[in-house]
Amino acid sequence: MTILFRRIKPQSFPITIDLISQFLGIPKSMIIRAERWAYIIFVHRRDKGGQFISYRKLKLWIEAIIALIQKTTTLDELWQLGLWIRQECRKFNYTQTVVEYLRSIWAKQRDDLGSLAHVR
C-alpha cells in the first residue's frame, strides 16, 4: 500500500453497479455482484466469471488525487505530495495523458500558492 493510497482511502468511494458497468463497457445485467476488497474491486460477471478492477483505474481515483493537490495549503506540503504522486505514477504505470494532466493541476496549485506567498 502506498502513502497516496492511505491518504485517498478508496474504500470510501461511492462505487455503484452503474459506475462499474460504465467502466467495463457492459450492461448492468451482466454483473452478478461486486465486492469491494482492500485494494481492488472484484466483479462477478455473467459472461466471463470474475474480474478485478484496481481502484487506481477509476476516474474517482484521479479526482481524489486532484482534490488532494487542490487542498494543499503550503508549498512544502505540495512538494511532498508531488513526490508521492510521482512514485505512484511510476510504480503503477499511469498513462502519459493522466501524468500530464496531474502535472498541470499540480503546477497550477504551485503557482497559486507561490503567488499567495508573495502577497503576505
Protein backbone atom coordinates (compact mmCIF):
# COMPACT_ATOMS: atom_id res chain seq x y z
CA MET A 1 0.00 0.00 0.00
CA THR A 2 1.41 3.39 -0.93
CA ILE A 3 1.24 6.60 1.10
CA LEU A 4 -1.11 8.03 -1.51
CA PHE A 5 -3.42 5.02 -1.19
CA ARG A 6 -3.61 5.54 2.57
CA ARG A 7 -4.36 9.24 2.10
CA ILE A 8 -7.06 8.71 -0.52
CA LYS A 9 -8.82 5.75 1.16
CA PRO A 10 -10.61 4.43 -1.95
CA GLN A 11 -12.72 2.09 0.16
CA SER A 12 -14.87 5.18 0.79
CA PHE A 13 -15.50 5.84 -2.93
CA PRO A 14 -19.20 5.83 -3.88
CA ILE A 15 -18.91 2.84 -6.22
CA THR A 16 -22.13 1.62 -7.79
CA ILE A 17 -23.08 -1.09 -10.26
CA ASP A 18 -23.78 1.72 -12.75
CA LEU A 19 -20.23 3.03 -12.38
CA ILE A 20 -18.76 -0.46 -12.76
CA SER A 21 -20.84 -1.29 -15.83
CA GLN A 22 -19.88 2.02 -17.43
CA PHE A 23 -16.20 1.45 -16.64
CA LEU A 24 -16.27 -2.07 -18.07
CA GLY A 25 -18.45 -1.09 -21.01
CA ILE A 26 -21.02 -3.78 -20.29
CA PRO A 27 -24.71 -3.70 -19.39
CA LYS A 28 -25.58 -3.78 -15.68
CA SER A 29 -27.42 -7.05 -16.28
CA MET A 30 -24.04 -8.74 -16.94
CA ILE A 31 -22.91 -8.02 -13.37
CA ILE A 32 -23.96 -10.55 -10.77
CA ARG A 33 -22.27 -8.79 -7.88
CA ALA A 34 -19.35 -6.57 -6.99
CA GLU A 35 -17.26 -6.94 -3.87
CA ARG A 36 -15.06 -4.19 -2.52
CA TRP A 37 -11.82 -5.63 -1.27
CA ALA A 38 -8.94 -3.77 0.40
CA TYR A 39 -7.04 -2.87 -2.77
CA ILE A 40 -9.36 -3.87 -5.62
CA ILE A 41 -12.93 -4.47 -6.62
CA PHE A 42 -13.95 -8.00 -7.57
CA VAL A 43 -16.72 -8.11 -10.17
CA HIS A 44 -18.55 -11.38 -10.78
CA ARG A 45 -19.80 -11.28 -14.38
CA ARG A 46 -22.34 -13.49 -16.11
CA ASP A 47 -20.27 -13.73 -19.29
CA LYS A 48 -16.75 -14.43 -18.05
CA GLY A 49 -16.68 -15.17 -14.35
CA GLY A 50 -14.65 -12.92 -12.10
CA GLN A 51 -12.81 -9.76 -12.99
CA PHE A 52 -10.68 -7.49 -10.85
CA ILE A 53 -10.68 -3.70 -11.09
CA SER A 54 -8.00 -1.63 -9.45
CA TYR A 55 -9.26 1.46 -7.67
CA ARG A 56 -6.45 3.29 -9.46
CA LYS A 57 -8.12 2.68 -12.82
CA LEU A 58 -11.28 4.55 -11.82
CA LYS A 59 -11.92 8.19 -12.60
CA LEU A 60 -12.69 8.62 -8.89
CA TRP A 61 -9.05 7.88 -8.10
CA ILE A 62 -7.73 10.66 -10.33
CA GLU A 63 -10.36 13.04 -8.96
CA ALA A 64 -9.19 12.17 -5.43
CA ILE A 65 -5.58 12.95 -6.33
CA ILE A 66 -6.68 16.27 -7.82
CA ALA A 67 -8.62 17.06 -4.63
CA LEU A 68 -5.50 16.34 -2.54
CA ILE A 69 -3.44 18.67 -4.72
CA GLN A 70 -6.02 21.44 -4.52
CA LYS A 71 -6.34 21.13 -0.74
CA THR A 72 -2.65 21.72 -0.07
CA THR A 73 -2.02 24.96 1.77
CA THR A 74 1.77 25.21 1.69
CA LEU A 75 4.43 24.75 -0.94
CA ASP A 76 6.22 22.21 1.29
CA GLU A 77 3.07 20.11 1.53
CA LEU A 78 2.59 20.36 -2.24
CA TRP A 79 6.18 19.31 -2.94
CA GLN A 80 5.80 16.25 -0.70
CA LEU A 81 2.52 15.32 -2.36
CA GLY A 82 4.20 15.73 -5.75
CA LEU A 83 6.87 13.20 -4.75
CA TRP A 84 4.21 10.71 -3.68
CA ILE A 85 2.30 11.22 -6.94
CA ARG A 86 5.48 10.73 -8.98
CA GLN A 87 6.24 7.46 -7.15
CA GLU A 88 2.64 6.33 -7.65
CA CYS A 89 2.67 7.13 -11.36
CA ARG A 90 5.92 5.24 -11.92
CA LYS A 91 5.01 2.22 -9.82
CA PHE A 92 1.59 1.74 -11.39
CA ASN A 93 2.36 2.85 -14.97
CA TYR A 94 -0.12 5.71 -15.31
CA THR A 95 -0.81 6.78 -18.88
CA GLN A 96 1.11 9.77 -20.17
CA THR A 97 -2.18 11.65 -20.58
CA VAL A 98 -3.04 11.21 -16.90
CA VAL A 99 0.51 12.11 -15.80
CA GLU A 100 0.44 15.31 -17.85
CA TYR A 101 -2.99 16.23 -16.51
CA LEU A 102 -1.87 15.72 -12.90
CA ARG A 103 1.28 17.76 -13.61
CA SER A 104 -0.80 20.65 -14.93
CA ILE A 105 -3.06 20.62 -11.85
CA TRP A 106 0.00 20.41 -9.58
CA ALA A 107 1.74 23.28 -11.41
CA LYS A 108 -1.36 25.48 -11.15
CA GLN A 109 -1.53 24.85 -7.40
CA ARG A 110 2.20 25.61 -7.11
CA ASP A 111 1.71 28.89 -8.94
CA ASP A 112 -1.33 29.77 -6.83
CA LEU A 113 0.48 29.02 -3.57
CA GLY A 114 3.57 30.88 -4.78
CA SER A 115 1.56 33.99 -5.60
CA LEU A 116 -0.09 33.84 -2.17
CA ALA A 117 3.32 33.70 -0.53
CA HIS A 118 4.34 36.92 -2.31
CA VAL A 119 1.18 38.72 -1.17
CA ARG A 120 1.79 38.05 2.53
